Amino acid sequence: MQKLELWARSIAFNAVFLFWVIVPTSLFVWVVFLPQRRVAKVVRFWQATFAWFAKKIAGIDYVIKGWGNVPSGACIIAAKHQSAWETCLLNVLFFDPAIVLKKELTYIPVWGWFAKASGLIPIDRKGGVKALVIMKKAASDAIQAGRKIVIFPQGTRVKPLVHKPYKVGVAALYQELTLPVVPMALNSGLLWPKNSFLKKKGVVTIEFLPPIPTGLSRSAMMRRLEDELEAASDRLAGKA
């Protein structure tokens, strides 16, 4: 009976999610011509509705811990990435964040237009030093506009309890922007696994850890970020 319920919820949610991705983005594509801040408001509404669908249909809710660790002003959010779920919630957590994402995603028809209009920061992972320079310039512009930077340090979705190397992008931003880094741990991959049709019912925990202050060496910051973020995410792996 539980397996039947899991399949029923997953089929219903995936159908609604697909509809909510295709139809609004197609009908309201003209939104991409609005000022960037207005586009952010539209995206935030879309994501808030997504969160409601996830809770009511798939049974996926969430709680936030450690919000007091997030500065009210500019900072770098270094987030674990386990699922598509958290990417659909970032504008709800932080109004108008500048999210670092792989450049290939901006080539997706219609969705890529929204990504560009939202002021996200695409990075060419094969672009080497030039790509890092472009990313740092875009991030600096976002900070000047009062936006938080969100980056996935591992650059891709990684399953819970699986450890993969951290990439240099977050260290480059840390050095260039002279901002604290707030590690964002989560366990979304337990409920919405990577490339999985089935979505399990439960509560995702998002936990913001104490900020890593400015002034550390590049290697010291990276060691601290990886140690603390991996430990916290592993701890959360038993709490969904």
Protein backbone atom coordinates (compact mmCIF):
# COMPACT_ATOMS: atom_id res chain seq x y z
CA MET A 1 0.00 0.00 0.00
CA GLN A 2 2.84 2.41 0.84
CA LYS A 3 4.53 1.66 -2.48
CA LEU A 4 1.29 2.31 -4.35
CA GLU A 5 0.89 5.62 -2.51
CA LEU A 6 4.49 6.57 -3.35
CA TRP A 7 3.90 5.93 -7.04
CA ALA A 8 0.56 7.77 -7.04
CA ARG A 9 2.03 10.85 -5.34
CA SER A 10 5.07 10.84 -7.62
CA ILE A 11 3.02 10.51 -10.81
CA ALA A 12 0.70 13.32 -9.75
CA PHE A 13 3.50 15.62 -8.67
CA ASN A 14 5.67 15.02 -11.72
CA ALA A 15 2.71 15.79 -13.99
CA VAL A 16 1.94 19.03 -12.14
CA PHE A 17 5.63 19.98 -11.99
CA LEU A 18 6.06 19.43 -15.74
CA PHE A 19 2.97 21.55 -16.37
CA TRP A 20 4.27 24.27 -14.02
CA VAL A 21 7.60 24.34 -15.85
CA ILE A 22 6.29 24.38 -19.42
CA VAL A 23 3.05 26.34 -19.41
CA PRO A 24 3.85 29.45 -17.31
CA THR A 25 7.30 29.88 -18.85
CA SER A 26 5.79 29.66 -22.34
CA LEU A 27 2.77 31.90 -21.72
CA PHE A 28 4.71 34.52 -19.76
CA VAL A 29 7.93 34.54 -21.76
CA TRP A 30 7.43 38.30 -22.26
CA VAL A 31 8.44 38.69 -18.59
CA VAL A 32 12.10 38.37 -19.64
CA PHE A 33 11.87 41.89 -21.09
CA LEU A 34 11.01 43.41 -17.70
CA PRO A 35 13.66 44.93 -15.39
CA GLN A 36 15.73 42.30 -13.60
CA ARG A 37 14.20 42.94 -10.16
CA ARG A 38 10.71 42.40 -11.52
CA VAL A 39 11.78 39.18 -13.19
CA ALA A 40 13.08 38.07 -9.77
CA LYS A 41 9.64 38.67 -8.24
CA VAL A 42 7.99 36.53 -10.90
CA VAL A 43 10.53 33.75 -10.38
CA ARG A 44 10.01 33.95 -6.62
CA PHE A 45 6.24 33.52 -7.07
CA TRP A 46 6.85 30.52 -9.34
CA GLN A 47 9.17 28.93 -6.78
CA ALA A 48 6.80 29.59 -3.85
CA THR A 49 4.04 27.86 -5.80
CA PHE A 50 6.41 24.98 -6.58
CA ALA A 51 7.11 24.58 -2.84
CA TRP A 52 3.37 24.44 -2.18
CA PHE A 53 2.89 21.75 -4.85
CA ALA A 54 5.81 19.75 -3.43
CA LYS A 55 4.28 19.86 0.06
CA LYS A 56 0.65 19.20 -0.87
CA ILE A 57 1.16 16.61 -3.61
CA ALA A 58 4.54 14.95 -3.06
CA GLY A 59 4.50 15.41 0.72
CA ILE A 60 7.90 17.17 0.72
CA ASP A 61 8.07 19.96 3.28
CA TYR A 62 11.13 21.71 4.70
CA VAL A 63 12.50 23.33 7.84
CA ILE A 64 15.27 25.88 8.16
CA LYS A 65 17.86 25.87 10.94
CA GLY A 66 20.54 28.43 11.66
CA TRP A 67 18.93 31.30 9.76
CA GLY A 68 20.58 33.66 12.23
CA ASN A 69 23.92 32.70 10.65
CA VAL A 70 22.93 34.36 7.36
CA PRO A 71 24.04 38.02 7.26
CA SER A 72 21.41 40.55 6.30
CA GLY A 73 23.80 42.05 3.78
CA ALA A 74 26.03 40.64 1.08
CA CYS A 75 27.62 37.22 1.50
CA ILE A 76 28.46 34.06 -0.39
CA ILE A 77 26.14 31.10 0.20
CA ALA A 78 28.03 27.86 -0.44
CA ALA A 79 25.25 25.28 -0.76
CA LYS A 80 25.25 21.53 -1.00
CA HIS A 81 23.51 20.33 -4.15
CA GLN A 82 21.78 16.97 -3.90
CA SER A 83 18.56 17.47 -5.83
CA ALA A 84 16.62 19.63 -8.26
CA TRP A 85 14.47 20.53 -5.24
CA GLU A 86 16.77 23.18 -3.75
CA THR A 87 17.35 24.89 -7.09
CA CYS A 88 13.60 25.51 -7.20
CA LEU A 89 13.61 27.17 -3.79
CA LEU A 90 16.56 29.55 -3.78
CA ASN A 91 14.51 32.63 -4.67
CA VAL A 92 12.20 31.85 -1.77
CA LEU A 93 15.09 31.57 0.67
CA PHE A 94 16.93 34.64 -0.64
CA PHE A 95 15.10 37.28 -2.61
CA ASP A 96 16.86 37.85 -5.93
CA PRO A 97 20.02 35.76 -5.39
CA ALA A 98 22.76 35.73 -8.02
CA ILE A 99 23.16 31.99 -8.57
CA VAL A 100 26.27 30.57 -10.19
CA LEU A 101 25.26 27.86 -12.68
CA LYS A 102 26.83 26.01 -15.55
CA LYS A 103 26.59 27.92 -18.81
CA GLU A 104 24.97 25.00 -20.65
CA LEU A 105 21.75 25.54 -18.70
CA THR A 106 21.27 28.96 -20.26
CA TYR A 107 20.97 27.27 -23.66
CA ILE A 108 17.71 25.55 -22.66
CA PRO A 109 14.91 27.10 -24.74
CA VAL A 110 12.77 29.62 -22.84
CA TRP A 111 14.10 28.57 -19.40
CA GLY A 112 17.53 29.86 -20.36
CA TRP A 113 16.02 33.21 -21.23
CA PHE A 114 14.55 33.45 -17.74
CA ALA A 115 17.93 32.50 -16.26
CA LYS A 116 19.66 35.32 -18.12
CA ALA A 117 16.91 37.84 -17.35
CA SER A 118 17.11 36.90 -13.66
CA GLY A 119 20.74 37.95 -13.56
CA LEU A 120 22.16 34.52 -12.82
CA ILE A 121 25.89 33.97 -13.27
CA PRO A 122 26.73 31.39 -15.95
CA ILE A 123 30.17 29.82 -15.90
CA ASP A 124 31.91 27.86 -18.63
CA ARG A 125 33.41 24.93 -16.73
CA LYS A 126 35.86 24.35 -19.56
CA GLY A 127 36.82 28.01 -19.86
CA GLY A 128 39.68 27.94 -17.38
CA VAL A 129 41.06 31.23 -16.05
CA LYS A 130 39.00 33.33 -18.48
CA ALA A 131 35.78 31.79 -17.17
CA LEU A 132 36.78 32.58 -13.58
CA VAL A 133 37.51 36.21 -14.50
CA ILE A 134 34.07 36.56 -16.11
CA MET A 135 32.40 34.92 -13.10
CA LYS A 136 34.17 37.22 -10.63
CA LYS A 137 33.16 40.32 -12.61
CA ALA A 138 29.51 39.24 -12.73
CA ALA A 139 29.56 38.42 -9.02
CA SER A 140 31.06 41.83 -8.19
CA ASP A 141 28.28 43.53 -10.15
CA ALA A 142 25.67 41.48 -8.28
CA ILE A 143 27.15 42.45 -4.91
CA GLN A 144 27.08 46.11 -5.92
CA ALA A 145 23.35 45.65 -6.55
CA GLY A 146 22.89 44.27 -3.03
CA ARG A 147 22.37 40.63 -4.02
CA LYS A 148 23.63 37.48 -2.31
CA ILE A 149 25.81 35.07 -4.29
CA VAL A 150 24.79 31.40 -4.25
CA ILE A 151 27.25 28.80 -5.49
CA PHE A 152 27.36 25.00 -5.38
CA PRO A 153 31.01 24.30 -4.46
CA GLN A 154 31.02 20.84 -6.01
CA GLY A 155 29.51 22.15 -9.24
CA THR A 156 26.96 19.36 -9.63
CA ARG A 157 24.41 17.26 -7.75
CA VAL A 158 26.00 14.78 -5.37
CA LYS A 159 24.09 12.02 -3.59
CA PRO A 160 23.85 12.05 0.23
CA LEU A 161 26.88 10.57 2.00
CA VAL A 162 28.88 10.67 -1.24
CA HIS A 163 31.91 12.98 -1.17
CA LYS A 164 33.25 14.65 -4.31
CA PRO A 165 35.98 17.28 -4.64
CA TYR A 166 35.19 20.98 -4.21
CA LYS A 167 35.96 23.20 -7.20
CA VAL A 168 37.93 26.44 -7.19
CA GLY A 169 35.05 28.77 -8.03
CA VAL A 170 34.01 29.42 -4.44
CA ALA A 171 37.62 30.19 -3.45
CA ALA A 172 37.94 32.61 -6.36
CA LEU A 173 34.80 34.46 -5.22
CA TYR A 174 35.98 34.48 -1.60
CA GLN A 175 39.25 36.13 -2.55
CA GLU A 176 37.78 38.55 -5.07
CA LEU A 177 34.73 39.76 -3.12
CA THR A 178 36.19 39.72 0.42
CA LEU A 179 32.90 38.41 1.82
CA PRO A 180 32.10 35.77 4.44
CA VAL A 181 31.05 32.34 3.18
CA VAL A 182 27.96 30.78 4.74
CA PRO A 183 27.86 26.96 4.33
CA MET A 184 24.35 25.68 3.55
CA ALA A 185 23.87 22.00 4.41
CA LEU A 186 20.80 19.98 3.45
CA ASN A 187 19.46 16.47 2.91
CA SER A 188 17.09 16.90 -0.04
CA GLY A 189 18.65 13.99 -1.91
CA LEU A 190 17.05 11.55 0.50
CA LEU A 191 13.55 12.57 -0.63
CA TRP A 192 14.14 13.71 -4.20
CA PRO A 193 17.11 11.65 -5.41
CA LYS A 194 19.11 12.68 -8.44
CA ASN A 195 17.42 11.57 -11.69
CA SER A 196 14.70 9.73 -9.78
CA PHE A 197 11.05 9.68 -10.83
CA LEU A 198 9.92 8.77 -7.32
CA LYS A 199 9.69 11.49 -4.67
CA LYS A 200 9.55 10.32 -1.06
CA LYS A 201 7.39 11.96 1.56
CA GLY A 202 9.25 13.73 4.36
CA VAL A 203 10.84 16.94 5.62
CA VAL A 204 13.99 18.39 4.09
CA THR A 205 16.28 20.10 6.58
CA ILE A 206 18.22 23.15 5.44
CA GLU A 207 20.89 24.21 7.92
CA PHE A 208 23.00 27.34 7.67
CA LEU A 209 26.32 27.00 9.47
CA PRO A 210 28.28 29.85 11.08
CA PRO A 211 29.91 32.08 8.45
CA ILE A 212 33.51 31.48 7.48
CA PRO A 213 35.05 34.92 8.03
CA THR A 214 37.12 36.88 5.56
CA GLY A 215 40.90 36.99 5.83
CA LEU A 216 41.70 33.28 5.62
CA SER A 217 44.04 31.90 3.03
CA ARG A 218 42.46 30.25 0.02
CA SER A 219 43.45 26.76 1.14
CA ALA A 220 42.37 27.32 4.76
CA MET A 221 38.94 28.54 3.67
CA MET A 222 38.45 25.59 1.34
CA ARG A 223 39.46 23.06 3.99
CA ARG A 224 37.12 24.59 6.55
CA LEU A 225 34.23 24.82 4.09
CA GLU A 226 34.55 21.23 2.93
CA ASP A 227 35.05 19.80 6.41
CA GLU A 228 32.12 21.65 7.96
CA LEU A 229 29.69 21.37 5.07
CA GLU A 230 30.30 17.67 4.49
CA ALA A 231 30.06 16.86 8.21
CA ALA A 232 26.78 18.76 8.58
CA SER A 233 25.22 17.24 5.46
CA ASP A 234 26.24 13.74 6.54
CA ARG A 235 24.65 14.41 9.94
CA LEU A 236 21.42 15.54 8.29
CA ALA A 237 21.31 12.42 6.15
CA GLY A 238 19.43 10.60 8.91
CA LYS A 239 16.83 13.31 9.53
CA ALA A 240 14.45 13.27 6.55
